[in-house]
Amino acid sequence: MAISQVSITQPVQPTLTQTVSQTIPSNKESFGSVLKNAISAVNDSQIASDKMTDKLVNGEDVELHDVMISAQKANITLNTALQVRNKVVEAYQEIMRMTV
């Protein structure tokens, strides 16, 4: 078989449409409900951390390293939520500065 006879029938890289359709969930969940679920998850991690800390303070049977891990998870989720909020506000401000 000569090189001139070889043809590629499938694209080497997926097209943008294929990539986007794979990353977007098909259940069409609204932005408001996604935001509410994310904030609820942050709140749940904060509440879990507070409960673990209260158990430690009250002398209940809880390990110190579990309390510290719970506190760090709550801290990371809160910081992540704040950074996402900052990026969204920054993007909104950038869009508002654009001239049409």
PDB file of N, CA and C in Angstrom:
ATOM      1  N   MET A   1       0.845  -1.168   0.000  1.00  0.00           N
ATOM      2  CA  MET A   1       0.000   0.000   0.000  1.00  0.00           C
ATOM      3  C   MET A   1       0.892   1.232   0.000  1.00  0.00           C
ATOM      4  N   ALA A   2       0.669   2.083  -0.919  1.00  0.00           N
ATOM      5  CA  ALA A   2       1.449   3.307  -1.022  1.00  0.00           C
ATOM      6  C   ALA A   2       0.890   4.356  -0.076  1.00  0.00           C
ATOM      7  N   ILE A   3       1.715   5.315   0.264  1.00  0.00           N
ATOM      8  CA  ILE A   3       1.307   6.381   1.182  1.00  0.00           C
ATOM      9  C   ILE A   3       0.184   7.221   0.583  1.00  0.00           C
ATOM     10  N   SER A   4       0.172   7.384  -0.705  1.00  0.00           N
ATOM     11  CA  SER A   4      -0.858   8.212  -1.332  1.00  0.00           C
ATOM     12  C   SER A   4      -2.246   7.580  -1.236  1.00  0.00           C
ATOM     13  N   GLN A   5      -2.339   6.288  -0.957  1.00  0.00           N
ATOM     14  CA  GLN A   5      -3.623   5.611  -0.873  1.00  0.00           C
ATOM     15  C   GLN A   5      -4.229   5.626   0.535  1.00  0.00           C
ATOM     16  N   VAL A   6      -3.468   6.039   1.535  1.00  0.00           N
ATOM     17  CA  VAL A   6      -3.958   6.056   2.914  1.00  0.00           C
ATOM     18  C   VAL A   6      -4.796   7.311   3.125  1.00  0.00           C
ATOM     19  N   SER A   7      -5.969   7.112   3.667  1.00  0.00           N
ATOM     20  CA  SER A   7      -6.802   8.268   3.997  1.00  0.00           C
ATOM     21  C   SER A   7      -7.326   8.116   5.413  1.00  0.00           C
ATOM     22  N   ILE A   8      -7.491   9.222   6.079  1.00  0.00           N
ATOM     23  CA  ILE A   8      -8.000   9.219   7.443  1.00  0.00           C
ATOM     24  C   ILE A   8      -9.502   9.462   7.366  1.00  0.00           C
ATOM     25  N   THR A   9     -10.278   8.527   7.914  1.00  0.00           N
ATOM     26  CA  THR A   9     -11.729   8.675   7.835  1.00  0.00           C
ATOM     27  C   THR A   9     -12.316   9.303   9.083  1.00  0.00           C
ATOM     28  N   GLN A  10     -11.621   9.227  10.215  1.00  0.00           N
ATOM     29  CA  GLN A  10     -12.121   9.833  11.442  1.00  0.00           C
ATOM     30  C   GLN A  10     -11.183  10.951  11.858  1.00  0.00           C
ATOM     31  N   PRO A  11     -11.724  12.027  12.427  1.00  0.00           N
ATOM     32  CA  PRO A  11     -10.851  13.113  12.857  1.00  0.00           C
ATOM     33  C   PRO A  11      -9.942  12.663  13.993  1.00  0.00           C
ATOM     34  N   VAL A  12      -8.751  13.220  14.023  1.00  0.00           N
ATOM     35  CA  VAL A  12      -7.778  12.863  15.044  1.00  0.00           C
ATOM     36  C   VAL A  12      -8.212  13.417  16.398  1.00  0.00           C
ATOM     37  N   GLN A  13      -8.686  14.662  16.417  1.00  0.00           N
ATOM     38  CA  GLN A  13      -9.155  15.280  17.646  1.00  0.00           C
ATOM     39  C   GLN A  13     -10.660  15.489  17.553  1.00  0.00           C
ATOM     40  N   PRO A  14     -11.352  15.397  18.694  1.00  0.00           N
ATOM     41  CA  PRO A  14     -12.795  15.631  18.647  1.00  0.00           C
ATOM     42  C   PRO A  14     -13.087  17.089  18.321  1.00  0.00           C
ATOM     43  N   THR A  15     -14.196  17.296  17.662  1.00  0.00           N
ATOM     44  CA  THR A  15     -14.574  18.663  17.330  1.00  0.00           C
ATOM     45  C   THR A  15     -15.100  19.352  18.573  1.00  0.00           C
ATOM     46  N   LEU A  16     -15.246  20.668  18.493  1.00  0.00           N
ATOM     47  CA  LEU A  16     -15.721  21.448  19.622  1.00  0.00           C
ATOM     48  C   LEU A  16     -17.123  21.024  20.035  1.00  0.00           C
ATOM     49  N   THR A  17     -17.962  20.726  19.076  1.00  0.00           N
ATOM     50  CA  THR A  17     -19.329  20.304  19.370  1.00  0.00           C
ATOM     51  C   THR A  17     -19.331  19.001  20.150  1.00  0.00           C
ATOM     52  N   GLN A  18     -18.485  18.063  19.766  1.00  0.00           N
ATOM     53  CA  GLN A  18     -18.418  16.796  20.481  1.00  0.00           C
ATOM     54  C   GLN A  18     -17.911  17.005  21.900  1.00  0.00           C
ATOM     55  N   THR A  19     -16.910  17.852  22.069  1.00  0.00           N
ATOM     56  CA  THR A  19     -16.346  18.098  23.387  1.00  0.00           C
ATOM     57  C   THR A  19     -17.355  18.771  24.298  1.00  0.00           C
ATOM     58  N   VAL A  20     -18.060  19.785  23.801  1.00  0.00           N
ATOM     59  CA  VAL A  20     -19.035  20.497  24.614  1.00  0.00           C
ATOM     60  C   VAL A  20     -20.192  19.594  24.974  1.00  0.00           C
ATOM     61  N   SER A  21     -20.667  18.793  24.050  1.00  0.00           N
ATOM     62  CA  SER A  21     -21.798  17.920  24.339  1.00  0.00           C
ATOM     63  C   SER A  21     -21.435  16.850  25.356  1.00  0.00           C
ATOM     64  N   GLN A  22     -20.168  16.502  25.470  1.00  0.00           N
ATOM     65  CA  GLN A  22     -19.761  15.518  26.455  1.00  0.00           C
ATOM     66  C   GLN A  22     -19.631  16.129  27.840  1.00  0.00           C
ATOM     67  N   THR A  23     -19.329  17.418  27.937  1.00  0.00           N
ATOM     68  CA  THR A  23     -19.116  18.034  29.239  1.00  0.00           C
ATOM     69  C   THR A  23     -20.367  18.644  29.830  1.00  0.00           C
ATOM     70  N   ILE A  24     -21.357  18.981  29.031  1.00  0.00           N
ATOM     71  CA  ILE A  24     -22.584  19.575  29.529  1.00  0.00           C
ATOM     72  C   ILE A  24     -23.534  18.455  29.942  1.00  0.00           C
ATOM     73  N   PRO A  25     -24.028  18.510  31.195  1.00  0.00           N
ATOM     74  CA  PRO A  25     -24.962  17.469  31.612  1.00  0.00           C
ATOM     75  C   PRO A  25     -26.259  17.562  30.829  1.00  0.00           C
ATOM     76  N   SER A  26     -26.853  16.424  30.561  1.00  0.00           N
ATOM     77  CA  SER A  26     -28.048  16.395  29.726  1.00  0.00           C
ATOM     78  C   SER A  26     -29.326  16.637  30.509  1.00  0.00           C
ATOM     79  N   ASN A  27     -29.257  16.703  31.851  1.00  0.00           N
ATOM     80  CA  ASN A  27     -30.467  16.881  32.622  1.00  0.00           C
ATOM     81  C   ASN A  27     -30.946  18.326  32.648  1.00  0.00           C
ATOM     82  N   LYS A  28     -30.203  19.245  32.081  1.00  0.00           N
ATOM     83  CA  LYS A  28     -30.580  20.654  31.939  1.00  0.00           C
ATOM     84  C   LYS A  28     -30.947  21.277  33.275  1.00  0.00           C
ATOM     85  N   GLU A  29     -30.111  21.097  34.269  1.00  0.00           N
ATOM     86  CA  GLU A  29     -30.329  21.677  35.583  1.00  0.00           C
ATOM     87  C   GLU A  29     -30.080  23.174  35.492  1.00  0.00           C
ATOM     88  N   SER A  30     -30.922  23.975  36.115  1.00  0.00           N
ATOM     89  CA  SER A  30     -30.810  25.421  36.006  1.00  0.00           C
ATOM     90  C   SER A  30     -29.608  25.933  36.801  1.00  0.00           C
ATOM     91  N   PHE A  31     -29.149  27.112  36.411  1.00  0.00           N
ATOM     92  CA  PHE A  31     -27.996  27.718  37.074  1.00  0.00           C
ATOM     93  C   PHE A  31     -28.310  27.983  38.535  1.00  0.00           C
ATOM     94  N   GLY A  32     -29.536  28.413  38.805  1.00  0.00           N
ATOM     95  CA  GLY A  32     -29.925  28.697  40.182  1.00  0.00           C
ATOM     96  C   GLY A  32     -29.853  27.480  41.072  1.00  0.00           C
ATOM     97  N   SER A  33     -30.298  26.342  40.567  1.00  0.00           N
ATOM     98  CA  SER A  33     -30.260  25.129  41.384  1.00  0.00           C
ATOM     99  C   SER A  33     -28.833  24.620  41.557  1.00  0.00           C
ATOM    100  N   VAL A  34     -27.989  24.788  40.542  1.00  0.00           N
ATOM    101  CA  VAL A  34     -26.585  24.398  40.678  1.00  0.00           C
ATOM    102  C   VAL A  34     -25.905  25.267  41.727  1.00  0.00           C
ATOM    103  N   LEU A  35     -26.181  26.566  41.687  1.00  0.00           N
ATOM    104  CA  LEU A  35     -25.598  27.487  42.654  1.00  0.00           C
ATOM    105  C   LEU A  35     -26.094  27.174  44.063  1.00  0.00           C
ATOM    106  N   LYS A  36     -27.383  26.900  44.196  1.00  0.00           N
ATOM    107  CA  LYS A  36     -27.955  26.566  45.497  1.00  0.00           C
ATOM    108  C   LYS A  36     -27.333  25.289  46.055  1.00  0.00           C
ATOM    109  N   ASN A  37     -27.142  24.282  45.204  1.00  0.00           N
ATOM    110  CA  ASN A  37     -26.526  23.027  45.651  1.00  0.00           C
ATOM    111  C   ASN A  37     -25.080  23.229  46.079  1.00  0.00           C
ATOM    112  N   ALA A  38     -24.351  24.073  45.356  1.00  0.00           N
ATOM    113  CA  ALA A  38     -22.951  24.333  45.704  1.00  0.00           C
ATOM    114  C   ALA A  38     -22.847  25.063  47.040  1.00  0.00           C
ATOM    115  N   ILE A  39     -23.698  26.057  47.240  1.00  0.00           N
ATOM    116  CA  ILE A  39     -23.676  26.793  48.508  1.00  0.00           C
ATOM    117  C   ILE A  39     -24.112  25.879  49.652  1.00  0.00           C
ATOM    118  N   SER A  40     -25.062  25.011  49.390  1.00  0.00           N
ATOM    119  CA  SER A  40     -25.509  24.057  50.399  1.00  0.00           C
ATOM    120  C   SER A  40     -24.382  23.101  50.786  1.00  0.00           C
ATOM    121  N   ALA A  41     -23.591  22.686  49.819  1.00  0.00           N
ATOM    122  CA  ALA A  41     -22.468  21.791  50.106  1.00  0.00           C
ATOM    123  C   ALA A  41     -21.423  22.489  50.974  1.00  0.00           C
ATOM    124  N   VAL A  42     -21.162  23.756  50.688  1.00  0.00           N
ATOM    125  CA  VAL A  42     -20.219  24.524  51.507  1.00  0.00           C
ATOM    126  C   VAL A  42     -20.761  24.648  52.926  1.00  0.00           C
ATOM    127  N   ASN A  43     -22.045  24.960  53.046  1.00  0.00           N
ATOM    128  CA  ASN A  43     -22.664  25.093  54.361  1.00  0.00           C
ATOM    129  C   ASN A  43     -22.631  23.771  55.129  1.00  0.00           C
ATOM    130  N   ASP A  44     -22.898  22.676  54.446  1.00  0.00           N
ATOM    131  CA  ASP A  44     -22.866  21.361  55.097  1.00  0.00           C
ATOM    132  C   ASP A  44     -21.478  21.035  55.649  1.00  0.00           C
ATOM    133  N   SER A  45     -20.439  21.373  54.891  1.00  0.00           N
ATOM    134  CA  SER A  45     -19.080  21.105  55.374  1.00  0.00           C
ATOM    135  C   SER A  45     -18.745  21.978  56.571  1.00  0.00           C
ATOM    136  N   GLN A  46     -19.234  23.215  56.590  1.00  0.00           N
ATOM    137  CA  GLN A  46     -19.011  24.091  57.747  1.00  0.00           C
ATOM    138  C   GLN A  46     -19.736  23.546  58.985  1.00  0.00           C
ATOM    139  N   ILE A  47     -20.967  23.078  58.798  1.00  0.00           N
ATOM    140  CA  ILE A  47     -21.741  22.529  59.912  1.00  0.00           C
ATOM    141  C   ILE A  47     -21.086  21.263  60.451  1.00  0.00           C
ATOM    142  N   ALA A  48     -20.613  20.405  59.557  1.00  0.00           N
ATOM    143  CA  ALA A  48     -19.941  19.171  59.988  1.00  0.00           C
ATOM    144  C   ALA A  48     -18.676  19.495  60.785  1.00  0.00           C
ATOM    145  N   SER A  49     -17.939  20.496  60.350  1.00  0.00           N
ATOM    146  CA  SER A  49     -16.735  20.907  61.068  1.00  0.00           C
ATOM    147  C   SER A  49     -17.085  21.446  62.450  1.00  0.00           C
ATOM    148  N   ASP A  50     -18.132  22.242  62.531  1.00  0.00           N
ATOM    149  CA  ASP A  50     -18.563  22.784  63.830  1.00  0.00           C
ATOM    150  C   ASP A  50     -18.995  21.676  64.788  1.00  0.00           C
ATOM    151  N   LYS A  51     -19.714  20.683  64.269  1.00  0.00           N
ATOM    152  CA  LYS A  51     -20.157  19.569  65.108  1.00  0.00           C
ATOM    153  C   LYS A  51     -18.971  18.773  65.641  1.00  0.00           C
ATOM    154  N   MET A  52     -17.993  18.535  64.768  1.00  0.00           N
ATOM    155  CA  MET A  52     -16.808  17.797  65.203  1.00  0.00           C
ATOM    156  C   MET A  52     -16.050  18.585  66.272  1.00  0.00           C
ATOM    157  N   THR A  53     -15.939  19.888  66.092  1.00  0.00           N
ATOM    158  CA  THR A  53     -15.250  20.726  67.076  1.00  0.00           C
ATOM    159  C   THR A  53     -15.994  20.723  68.399  1.00  0.00           C
ATOM    160  N   ASP A  54     -17.309  20.823  68.349  1.00  0.00           N
ATOM    161  CA  ASP A  54     -18.105  20.784  69.578  1.00  0.00           C
ATOM    162  C   ASP A  54     -17.938  19.452  70.306  1.00  0.00           C
ATOM    163  N   LYS A  55     -17.894  18.358  69.563  1.00  0.00           N
ATOM    164  CA  LYS A  55     -17.693  17.048  70.187  1.00  0.00           C
ATOM    165  C   LYS A  55     -16.343  16.989  70.895  1.00  0.00           C
ATOM    166  N   LEU A  56     -15.312  17.550  70.263  1.00  0.00           N
ATOM    167  CA  LEU A  56     -13.976  17.546  70.864  1.00  0.00           C
ATOM    168  C   LEU A  56     -13.960  18.393  72.134  1.00  0.00           C
ATOM    169  N   VAL A  57     -14.588  19.556  72.087  1.00  0.00           N
ATOM    170  CA  VAL A  57     -14.613  20.458  73.240  1.00  0.00           C
ATOM    171  C   VAL A  57     -15.384  19.833  74.402  1.00  0.00           C
ATOM    172  N   ASN A  58     -16.470  19.114  74.098  1.00  0.00           N
ATOM    173  CA  ASN A  58     -17.285  18.490  75.138  1.00  0.00           C
ATOM    174  C   ASN A  58     -16.687  17.195  75.674  1.00  0.00           C
ATOM    175  N   GLY A  59     -15.575  16.764  75.134  1.00  0.00           N
ATOM    176  CA  GLY A  59     -14.893  15.576  75.635  1.00  0.00           C
ATOM    177  C   GLY A  59     -15.449  14.275  75.099  1.00  0.00           C
ATOM    178  N   GLU A  60     -16.222  14.333  74.043  1.00  0.00           N
ATOM    179  CA  GLU A  60     -16.761  13.111  73.456  1.00  0.00           C
ATOM    180  C   GLU A  60     -15.653  12.343  72.743  1.00  0.00           C
ATOM    181  N   ASP A  61     -15.967  11.108  72.374  1.00  0.00           N
ATOM    182  CA  ASP A  61     -14.972  10.237  71.750  1.00  0.00           C
ATOM    183  C   ASP A  61     -14.797  10.602  70.283  1.00  0.00           C
ATOM    184  N   VAL A  62     -13.871  11.509  70.019  1.00  0.00           N
ATOM    185  CA  VAL A  62     -13.551  11.918  68.652  1.00  0.00           C
ATOM    186  C   VAL A  62     -12.048  12.194  68.586  1.00  0.00           C
ATOM    187  N   GLU A  63     -11.453  11.795  67.518  1.00  0.00           N
ATOM    188  CA  GLU A  63     -10.012  11.959  67.360  1.00  0.00           C
ATOM    189  C   GLU A  63      -9.674  13.380  66.914  1.00  0.00           C
ATOM    190  N   LEU A  64      -8.584  13.894  67.427  1.00  0.00           N
ATOM    191  CA  LEU A  64      -8.157  15.247  67.096  1.00  0.00           C
ATOM    192  C   LEU A  64      -7.852  15.390  65.604  1.00  0.00           C
ATOM    193  N   HIS A  65      -7.233  14.380  65.012  1.00  0.00           N
ATOM    194  CA  HIS A  65      -6.897  14.481  63.594  1.00  0.00           C
ATOM    195  C   HIS A  65      -8.156  14.510  62.725  1.00  0.00           C
ATOM    196  N   ASP A  66      -9.233  13.824  63.158  1.00  0.00           N
ATOM    197  CA  ASP A  66     -10.492  13.892  62.410  1.00  0.00           C
ATOM    198  C   ASP A  66     -11.092  15.291  62.462  1.00  0.00           C
ATOM    199  N   VAL A  67     -10.982  15.932  63.620  1.00  0.00           N
ATOM    200  CA  VAL A  67     -11.482  17.301  63.770  1.00  0.00           C
ATOM    201  C   VAL A  67     -10.690  18.248  62.877  1.00  0.00           C
ATOM    202  N   MET A  68      -9.377  18.092  62.851  1.00  0.00           N
ATOM    203  CA  MET A  68      -8.536  18.966  62.037  1.00  0.00           C
ATOM    204  C   MET A  68      -8.783  18.745  60.541  1.00  0.00           C
ATOM    205  N   ILE A  69      -8.983  17.511  60.147  1.00  0.00           N
ATOM    206  CA  ILE A  69      -9.273  17.213  58.741  1.00  0.00           C
ATOM    207  C   ILE A  69     -10.605  17.821  58.348  1.00  0.00           C
ATOM    208  N   SER A  70     -11.593  17.699  59.211  1.00  0.00           N
ATOM    209  CA  SER A  70     -12.911  18.280  58.940  1.00  0.00           C
ATOM    210  C   SER A  70     -12.819  19.805  58.823  1.00  0.00           C
ATOM    211  N   ALA A  71     -12.055  20.425  59.708  1.00  0.00           N
ATOM    212  CA  ALA A  71     -11.889  21.885  59.660  1.00  0.00           C
ATOM    213  C   ALA A  71     -11.175  22.322  58.384  1.00  0.00           C
ATOM    214  N   GLN A  72     -10.178  21.569  57.960  1.00  0.00           N
ATOM    215  CA  GLN A  72      -9.452  21.925  56.734  1.00  0.00           C
ATOM    216  C   GLN A  72     -10.325  21.740  55.496  1.00  0.00           C
ATOM    217  N   LYS A  73     -11.146  20.683  55.482  1.00  0.00           N
ATOM    218  CA  LYS A  73     -12.065  20.482  54.356  1.00  0.00           C
ATOM    219  C   LYS A  73     -13.048  21.646  54.263  1.00  0.00           C
ATOM    220  N   ALA A  74     -13.576  22.075  55.414  1.00  0.00           N
ATOM    221  CA  ALA A  74     -14.501  23.206  55.432  1.00  0.00           C
ATOM    222  C   ALA A  74     -13.807  24.473  54.960  1.00  0.00           C
ATOM    223  N   ASN A  75     -12.580  24.669  55.378  1.00  0.00           N
ATOM    224  CA  ASN A  75     -11.812  25.842  54.966  1.00  0.00           C
ATOM    225  C   ASN A  75     -11.555  25.838  53.464  1.00  0.00           C
ATOM    226  N   ILE A  76     -11.197  24.688  52.929  1.00  0.00           N
ATOM    227  CA  ILE A  76     -10.906  24.583  51.493  1.00  0.00           C
ATOM    228  C   ILE A  76     -12.168  24.815  50.667  1.00  0.00           C
ATOM    229  N   THR A  77     -13.289  24.239  51.089  1.00  0.00           N
ATOM    230  CA  THR A  77     -14.526  24.441  50.326  1.00  0.00           C
ATOM    231  C   THR A  77     -14.965  25.894  50.361  1.00  0.00           C
ATOM    232  N   LEU A  78     -14.814  26.550  51.516  1.00  0.00           N
ATOM    233  CA  LEU A  78     -15.178  27.965  51.606  1.00  0.00           C
ATOM    234  C   LEU A  78     -14.270  28.820  50.730  1.00  0.00           C
ATOM    235  N   ASN A  79     -12.975  28.574  50.776  1.00  0.00           N
ATOM    236  CA  ASN A  79     -12.034  29.343  49.948  1.00  0.00           C
ATOM    237  C   ASN A  79     -12.277  29.105  48.463  1.00  0.00           C
ATOM    238  N   THR A  80     -12.610  27.878  48.089  1.00  0.00           N
ATOM    239  CA  THR A  80     -12.913  27.583  46.691  1.00  0.00           C
ATOM    240  C   THR A  80     -14.156  28.336  46.238  1.00  0.00           C
ATOM    241  N   ALA A  81     -15.183  28.346  47.084  1.00  0.00           N
ATOM    242  CA  ALA A  81     -16.407  29.077  46.752  1.00  0.00           C
ATOM    243  C   ALA A  81     -16.129  30.568  46.610  1.00  0.00           C
ATOM    244  N   LEU A  82     -15.297  31.114  47.474  1.00  0.00           N
ATOM    245  CA  LEU A  82     -14.954  32.534  47.378  1.00  0.00           C
ATOM    246  C   LEU A  82     -14.181  32.840  46.101  1.00  0.00           C
ATOM    247  N   GLN A  83     -13.262  31.966  45.726  1.00  0.00           N
ATOM    248  CA  GLN A  83     -12.490  32.190  44.506  1.00  0.00           C
ATOM    249  C   GLN A  83     -13.366  32.095  43.265  1.00  0.00           C
ATOM    250  N   VAL A  84     -14.301  31.152  43.263  1.00  0.00           N
ATOM    251  CA  VAL A  84     -15.223  31.031  42.132  1.00  0.00           C
ATOM    252  C   VAL A  84     -16.083  32.286  42.044  1.00  0.00           C
ATOM    253  N   ARG A  85     -16.568  32.757  43.193  1.00  0.00           N
ATOM    254  CA  ARG A  85     -17.363  33.990  43.208  1.00  0.00           C
ATOM    255  C   ARG A  85     -16.559  35.158  42.668  1.00  0.00           C
ATOM    256  N   ASN A  86     -15.302  35.274  43.089  1.00  0.00           N
ATOM    257  CA  ASN A  86     -14.452  36.368  42.612  1.00  0.00           C
ATOM    258  C   ASN A  86     -14.261  36.300  41.102  1.00  0.00           C
ATOM    259  N   LYS A  87     -14.058  35.115  40.573  1.00  0.00           N
ATOM    260  CA  LYS A  87     -13.877  34.961  39.131  1.00  0.00           C
ATOM    261  C   LYS A  87     -15.153  35.315  38.371  1.00  0.00           C
ATOM    262  N   VAL A  88     -16.304  34.921  38.908  1.00  0.00           N
ATOM    263  CA  VAL A  88     -17.568  35.239  38.245  1.00  0.00           C
ATOM    264  C   VAL A  88     -17.807  36.742  38.250  1.00  0.00           C
ATOM    265  N   VAL A  89     -17.539  37.400  39.365  1.00  0.00           N
ATOM    266  CA  VAL A  89     -17.703  38.857  39.443  1.00  0.00           C
ATOM    267  C   VAL A  89     -16.736  39.546  38.494  1.00  0.00           C
ATOM    268  N   GLU A  90     -15.510  39.072  38.439  1.00  0.00           N
ATOM    269  CA  GLU A  90     -14.509  39.642  37.537  1.00  0.00           C
ATOM    270  C   GLU A  90     -14.932  39.482  36.079  1.00  0.00           C
ATOM    271  N   ALA A  91     -15.452  38.314  35.725  1.00  0.00           N
ATOM    272  CA  ALA A  91     -15.913  38.084  34.350  1.00  0.00           C
ATOM    273  C   ALA A  91     -17.099  38.987  34.023  1.00  0.00           C
ATOM    274  N   TYR A  92     -18.018  39.144  34.966  1.00  0.00           N
ATOM    275  CA  TYR A  92     -19.167  40.033  34.757  1.00  0.00           C
ATOM    276  C   TYR A  92     -18.702  41.471  34.542  1.00  0.00           C
ATOM    277  N   GLN A  93     -17.766  41.920  35.355  1.00  0.00           N
ATOM    278  CA  GLN A  93     -17.257  43.282  35.211  1.00  0.00           C
ATOM    279  C   GLN A  93     -16.553  43.462  33.873  1.00  0.00           C
ATOM    280  N   GLU A  94     -15.832  42.458  33.435  1.00  0.00           N
ATOM    281  CA  GLU A  94     -15.147  42.524  32.145  1.00  0.00           C
ATOM    282  C   GLU A  94     -16.163  42.607  31.007  1.00  0.00           C
ATOM    283  N   ILE A  95     -17.234  41.848  31.098  1.00  0.00           N
ATOM    284  CA  ILE A  95     -18.279  41.894  30.066  1.00  0.00           C
ATOM    285  C   ILE A  95     -18.947  43.259  30.057  1.00  0.00           C
ATOM    286  N   MET A  96     -19.180  43.825  31.213  1.00  0.00           N
ATOM    287  CA  MET A  96     -19.833  45.129  31.289  1.00  0.00           C
ATOM    288  C   MET A  96     -18.931  46.245  30.741  1.00  0.00           C
ATOM    289  N   ARG A  97     -17.608  46.061  30.765  1.00  0.00           N
ATOM    290  CA  ARG A  97     -16.693  47.064  30.222  1.00  0.00           C
ATOM    291  C   ARG A  97     -16.567  47.000  28.709  1.00  0.00           C
ATOM    292  N   MET A  98     -17.036  45.923  28.116  1.00  0.00           N
ATOM    293  CA  MET A  98     -16.910  45.764  26.659  1.00  0.00           C
ATOM    294  C   MET A  98     -17.793  46.771  25.938  1.00  0.00           C
ATOM    295  N   THR A  99     -17.274  47.286  24.840  1.00  0.00           N
ATOM    296  CA  THR A  99     -18.085  48.173  24.014  1.00  0.00           C
ATOM    297  C   THR A  99     -18.712  47.376  22.883  1.00  0.00           C
ATOM    298  N   VAL A 100     -19.916  47.718  22.574  1.00  0.00           N
ATOM    299  CA  VAL A 100     -20.654  46.964  21.552  1.00  0.00           C
ATOM    300  C   VAL A 100     -20.616  47.697  20.245  1.00  0.00           C
TER     301      VAL A 100
END
